Protein backbone atom coordinates (compact mmCIF):
# COMPACT_ATOMS: atom_id res chain seq x y z
CA MET A 1 106.69 116.43 167.74
CA ALA A 2 104.40 118.13 170.28
CA PHE A 3 100.80 117.32 169.41
CA GLU A 4 97.95 119.77 169.99
CA GLN A 5 94.94 117.94 168.54
CA ILE A 6 95.72 114.34 169.40
CA ILE A 7 97.08 112.43 172.39
CA VAL A 8 99.61 109.63 171.89
CA GLU A 9 100.09 107.23 174.80
CA LYS A 10 102.17 104.13 175.38
CA LYS A 11 100.80 102.94 178.71
CA ARG A 12 101.12 99.29 177.76
CA GLU A 13 104.17 97.56 176.31
CA HIS A 14 104.08 97.32 172.51
CA VAL A 15 100.76 99.22 172.30
CA THR A 16 100.31 102.78 171.01
CA THR A 17 96.98 104.51 171.73
CA VAL A 18 96.12 107.54 169.61
CA THR A 19 93.20 109.70 170.77
CA ILE A 20 91.65 112.40 168.60
CA ASN A 21 91.44 115.18 171.19
CA ARG A 22 88.91 117.71 169.87
CA PRO A 23 85.79 116.87 171.90
CA ASN A 24 84.46 120.43 171.60
CA VAL A 25 83.92 119.79 167.86
CA MET A 26 82.99 116.10 168.18
CA ASN A 27 86.58 115.16 167.31
CA ALA A 28 86.21 116.51 163.79
CA ILE A 29 89.31 116.12 161.65
CA SER A 30 90.88 119.19 160.04
CA PRO A 31 93.98 119.06 157.83
CA GLU A 32 96.06 119.91 160.90
CA THR A 33 94.47 116.99 162.78
CA THR A 34 95.24 114.72 159.85
CA LYS A 35 98.87 115.87 159.81
CA GLU A 36 99.24 115.08 163.50
CA LEU A 37 97.57 111.68 163.07
CA ASP A 38 99.75 110.97 160.06
CA THR A 39 102.89 111.78 162.04
CA ALA A 40 101.78 109.56 164.93
CA PHE A 41 101.03 106.64 162.61
CA ASN A 42 104.32 107.13 160.75
CA GLU A 43 106.15 106.90 164.08
CA PHE A 44 104.13 103.82 165.05
CA HIS A 45 104.93 102.17 161.73
CA GLU A 46 108.66 102.85 162.07
CA ASP A 47 108.99 101.84 165.75
CA PRO A 48 110.04 98.16 166.00
CA ASP A 49 108.81 98.06 169.60
CA ALA A 50 105.30 99.22 168.62
CA TRP A 51 103.16 96.22 167.63
CA ILE A 52 99.50 97.33 167.92
CA CYS A 53 97.79 100.71 167.48
CA VAL A 54 94.47 101.69 169.07
CA ILE A 55 92.54 104.68 167.70
CA THR A 56 89.79 106.37 169.70
CA GLY A 57 88.21 109.76 170.38
CA ALA A 58 88.20 112.00 173.44
CA GLY A 59 85.02 112.20 175.51
CA ASP A 60 81.97 109.98 175.38
CA ARG A 61 80.01 111.55 172.53
CA ALA A 62 82.08 110.97 169.43
CA PHE A 63 84.82 108.82 168.00
CA SER A 64 84.91 111.41 165.21
CA ALA A 65 82.21 113.34 163.39
CA GLY A 66 84.47 113.32 160.34
CA ASN A 67 85.71 116.16 158.18
CA ASP A 68 85.93 119.55 159.91
CA LEU A 69 83.27 121.34 157.85
CA LYS A 70 83.83 124.67 159.60
CA TYR A 71 87.43 124.59 158.43
CA GLN A 72 86.47 123.52 154.92
CA SER A 73 83.79 126.21 154.63
CA THR A 74 86.47 128.90 154.90
CA HIS A 75 89.01 127.31 152.55
CA THR A 76 88.96 126.62 148.82
CA PRO A 77 89.52 123.11 147.41
CA GLU A 78 92.98 124.24 146.33
CA GLU A 79 93.75 125.42 149.86
CA MET A 80 92.47 122.15 151.29
CA ARG A 81 94.74 120.17 148.97
CA ALA A 82 97.70 122.38 149.86
CA ALA A 83 96.97 121.92 153.58
CA MET A 84 97.22 118.14 153.13
CA GLU A 85 100.55 118.28 151.29
CA GLY A 86 103.08 115.82 152.66
CA VAL A 87 100.49 113.56 154.32
CA LYS A 88 101.39 109.92 153.69
CA GLY A 89 98.38 108.06 155.04
CA GLY A 90 95.49 110.04 153.60
CA PHE A 91 92.61 111.63 155.51
CA GLY A 92 92.90 110.85 159.22
CA GLY A 93 96.40 109.52 158.65
CA ASN A 94 95.26 105.94 158.04
CA THR A 95 92.63 105.79 155.28
CA ALA A 96 95.26 105.54 152.51
CA ARG A 97 97.94 103.77 154.55
CA PHE A 98 98.52 100.56 152.62
CA ASP A 99 102.07 99.67 153.66
CA CYS A 100 101.67 99.21 157.41
CA PHE A 101 100.76 95.63 158.30
CA LYS A 102 100.67 96.07 162.07
CA PRO A 103 97.20 95.63 163.61
CA PHE A 104 94.99 98.72 164.04
CA ILE A 105 92.02 98.64 166.42
CA ALA A 106 89.26 101.28 166.42
CA ALA A 107 87.66 101.86 169.83
CA VAL A 108 84.49 103.64 168.74
CA ASN A 109 83.14 105.57 171.72
CA GLY A 110 80.27 107.45 170.06
CA LEU A 111 79.47 108.98 166.69
CA ALA A 112 81.57 107.73 163.78
CA LEU A 113 80.34 109.74 160.83
CA GLY A 114 81.78 110.55 157.43
CA GLY A 115 85.54 110.62 157.67
CA GLY A 116 85.33 109.30 161.22
CA PHE A 117 83.55 106.21 159.94
CA GLU A 118 86.16 105.91 157.20
CA VAL A 119 88.97 106.00 159.79
CA ALA A 120 87.26 103.12 161.61
CA LEU A 121 86.68 101.19 158.37
CA ALA A 122 90.42 101.43 157.65
CA CYS A 123 91.19 99.59 160.91
CA ASP A 124 91.47 95.81 161.21
CA ILE A 125 89.25 95.39 164.26
CA VAL A 126 86.38 97.64 165.39
CA ILE A 127 85.07 97.56 168.96
CA ALA A 128 82.07 99.81 169.55
CA ALA A 129 80.31 101.21 172.58
CA GLU A 130 76.57 100.58 172.71
CA ASN A 131 75.89 104.27 172.03
CA ALA A 132 78.02 104.35 168.87
CA THR A 133 76.43 105.16 165.53
CA PHE A 134 77.87 104.98 162.02
CA GLY A 135 77.07 106.79 158.79
CA LEU A 136 78.32 108.53 155.67
CA PRO A 137 76.42 111.84 155.46
CA GLU A 138 78.76 113.54 152.97
CA HIS A 139 76.18 113.84 150.18
CA ARG A 140 74.04 116.09 152.36
CA VAL A 141 76.82 118.69 152.46
CA GLY A 142 77.75 118.43 148.79
CA LEU A 143 80.66 116.03 149.27
CA MET A 144 81.21 112.27 148.93
CA PRO A 145 82.86 109.59 151.08
CA GLY A 146 86.19 110.04 149.34
CA ALA A 147 88.48 108.72 152.10
CA GLY A 148 87.68 105.13 151.25
CA GLY A 149 84.05 104.90 152.33
CA VAL A 150 82.70 104.22 148.84
CA HIS A 151 85.33 101.52 148.36
CA ARG A 152 85.65 99.87 151.76
CA LEU A 153 81.99 99.71 152.80
CA PRO A 154 80.82 97.57 149.82
CA ARG A 155 83.79 95.29 150.46
CA GLN A 156 82.94 94.88 154.14
CA MET A 157 79.16 94.36 153.98
CA PRO A 158 76.61 93.29 151.35
CA TYR A 159 76.58 95.58 148.30
CA HIS A 160 72.94 96.70 148.42
CA LEU A 161 73.07 97.44 152.13
CA ALA A 162 76.26 99.44 151.62
CA MET A 163 74.79 101.39 148.71
CA GLY A 164 71.67 102.08 150.75
CA MET A 165 73.81 103.63 153.48
CA ILE A 166 75.93 105.58 151.00
CA MET A 167 73.05 106.97 148.94
CA THR A 168 70.63 107.81 151.77
CA SER A 169 73.22 108.89 154.37
CA LYS A 170 71.37 106.58 156.77
CA ARG A 171 72.94 106.11 160.20
CA ILE A 172 73.07 102.68 161.75
CA THR A 173 73.49 101.65 165.37
CA ALA A 174 76.43 99.74 166.76
CA GLN A 175 74.24 96.66 167.00
CA GLU A 176 73.24 96.97 163.34
CA ALA A 177 76.87 97.49 162.36
CA ALA A 178 77.81 94.30 164.19
CA GLY A 179 75.03 92.46 162.40
CA TYR A 180 76.39 93.66 159.05
CA GLY A 181 79.88 92.47 159.97
CA ILE A 182 81.61 95.85 160.15
CA VAL A 183 81.95 95.83 163.96
CA ASN A 184 83.57 92.96 165.85
CA GLU A 185 81.97 93.52 169.27
CA VAL A 186 79.51 95.89 170.96
CA VAL A 187 79.91 96.56 174.67
CA PRO A 188 78.70 99.05 177.30
CA ALA A 189 80.59 102.32 177.01
CA ALA A 190 82.17 101.83 180.43
CA ASP A 191 83.68 98.53 179.23
CA LEU A 192 85.02 99.75 175.88
CA MET A 193 88.72 100.12 176.64
CA ALA A 194 88.79 97.05 178.90
CA THR A 195 87.34 95.06 176.02
CA VAL A 196 89.97 96.47 173.68
CA ASP A 197 92.60 95.31 176.18
CA LYS A 198 91.14 91.79 176.06
CA TRP A 199 91.42 91.77 172.27
CA ILE A 200 95.01 92.99 172.58
CA ASP A 201 95.73 90.16 175.04
CA GLU A 202 94.49 87.64 172.48
CA ILE A 203 96.37 89.24 169.59
CA MET A 204 99.64 89.37 171.50
CA LEU A 205 99.56 85.63 172.09
CA GLY A 206 100.61 85.45 168.44
CA ALA A 207 104.00 86.40 167.07
CA PRO A 208 103.98 89.99 165.79
CA LEU A 209 105.76 89.17 162.52
CA SER A 210 103.33 86.31 161.89
CA LEU A 211 100.42 88.71 162.37
CA ARG A 212 101.97 91.22 159.97
CA ALA A 213 102.57 88.52 157.38
CA SER A 214 98.92 87.47 157.64
CA LYS A 215 97.67 91.04 157.31
CA GLU A 216 99.92 91.66 154.32
CA CYS A 217 98.70 88.54 152.53
CA THR A 218 95.06 89.27 153.36
CA THR A 219 94.93 92.95 152.44
CA MET A 220 97.22 92.83 149.41
CA GLY A 221 95.70 89.64 148.07
CA LEU A 222 92.09 90.83 148.10
CA HIS A 223 92.24 92.14 144.54
CA MET A 224 93.92 88.98 143.18
CA SER A 225 92.56 85.66 142.10
CA LEU A 226 92.97 82.90 144.67
CA GLN A 227 95.64 81.21 142.56
CA GLU A 228 97.63 84.43 142.12
CA ALA A 229 97.40 85.34 145.81
CA MET A 230 98.55 81.90 146.94
CA SER A 231 101.45 81.81 144.47
CA THR A 232 102.77 85.28 145.33
CA GLN A 233 105.96 85.53 147.40
CA TRP A 234 105.02 88.08 150.05
CA PRO A 235 107.88 90.04 151.65
CA GLY A 236 106.36 89.83 155.12
CA VAL A 237 106.20 86.03 154.91
CA MET A 238 109.88 85.87 154.02
CA THR A 239 110.67 88.19 156.96
CA MET A 240 108.68 85.94 159.27
CA TYR A 241 110.56 82.82 158.17
CA GLN A 242 113.92 84.54 158.70
CA SER A 243 113.03 85.77 162.20
CA GLU A 244 114.04 84.62 165.67
CA ASP A 245 110.37 84.23 166.53
CA VAL A 246 109.82 81.50 163.93
CA LYS A 247 112.30 79.39 165.92
CA GLU A 248 110.97 80.47 169.32
CA GLY A 249 107.39 79.37 168.61
CA PRO A 250 108.03 75.65 167.99
CA LEU A 251 110.69 75.56 170.73
CA ALA A 252 108.27 77.01 173.30
CA PHE A 253 105.63 74.50 172.21
CA VAL A 254 108.00 71.58 172.73
CA GLN A 255 109.18 72.94 176.08
CA LYS A 256 105.55 73.51 177.16
CA ARG A 257 106.03 77.19 178.02
CA PRO A 258 104.64 80.50 176.73
CA PRO A 259 106.70 81.86 173.83
CA GLN A 260 108.73 85.01 174.38
CA TRP A 261 108.15 87.01 171.22
CA LYS A 262 110.75 89.57 170.17
CA GLY A 263 109.25 90.84 166.92
CA ARG A 264 112.46 90.14 165.05
């Protein structure tokens, strides 16, 4: 598929970088943008050679300002729903994507507001530039953070702080977000992608199927009791134990060499 509103790059082995490419509208996400993102993430999910996905925005002002309000202002709710027909992963292509256990990293290069913040919240790791800001301003335009914001934020930071952000539409800085535990690292804007690469280096020291098994157990077990989560037979764990990599890891350790992961 030829993309018009996003850029998909595979400059590094096993890594897919998806850039929302609408800097003239602060990388706002229309239904067409969502469809392109959804297609890109579907392809990433289905590609056995793709192990990690990085999401970022074009330019240096915004990761994404969220829902394209200009588009929505000229379309009815019914038309908006029809425009999203066939999308698997929800708004932004990832906010309702619960079956992909490969790591997602958000490289937040500026504003992450509304749906843009929700796209970042749906990622596993969030690296932010020092100029990044986060917020859920939907109430001020008659909407609500319906792409997971009202559910993920209180699960990722203390309840009262999350509700304060949700109800007042307050923006917080990257440094505040890190303090609340919703950003992993804050770096100068010029160092953002290099820092993401360092995180990727660390992640790729681990076996990809092991990482997926861990993400599956973590994300799918959150709603369970500890006893239920620990007694569940997770498909990804079984896949890991039946893989070539589960043999390669101990063998490489004994032979005192770096393991050569195959992801199978």
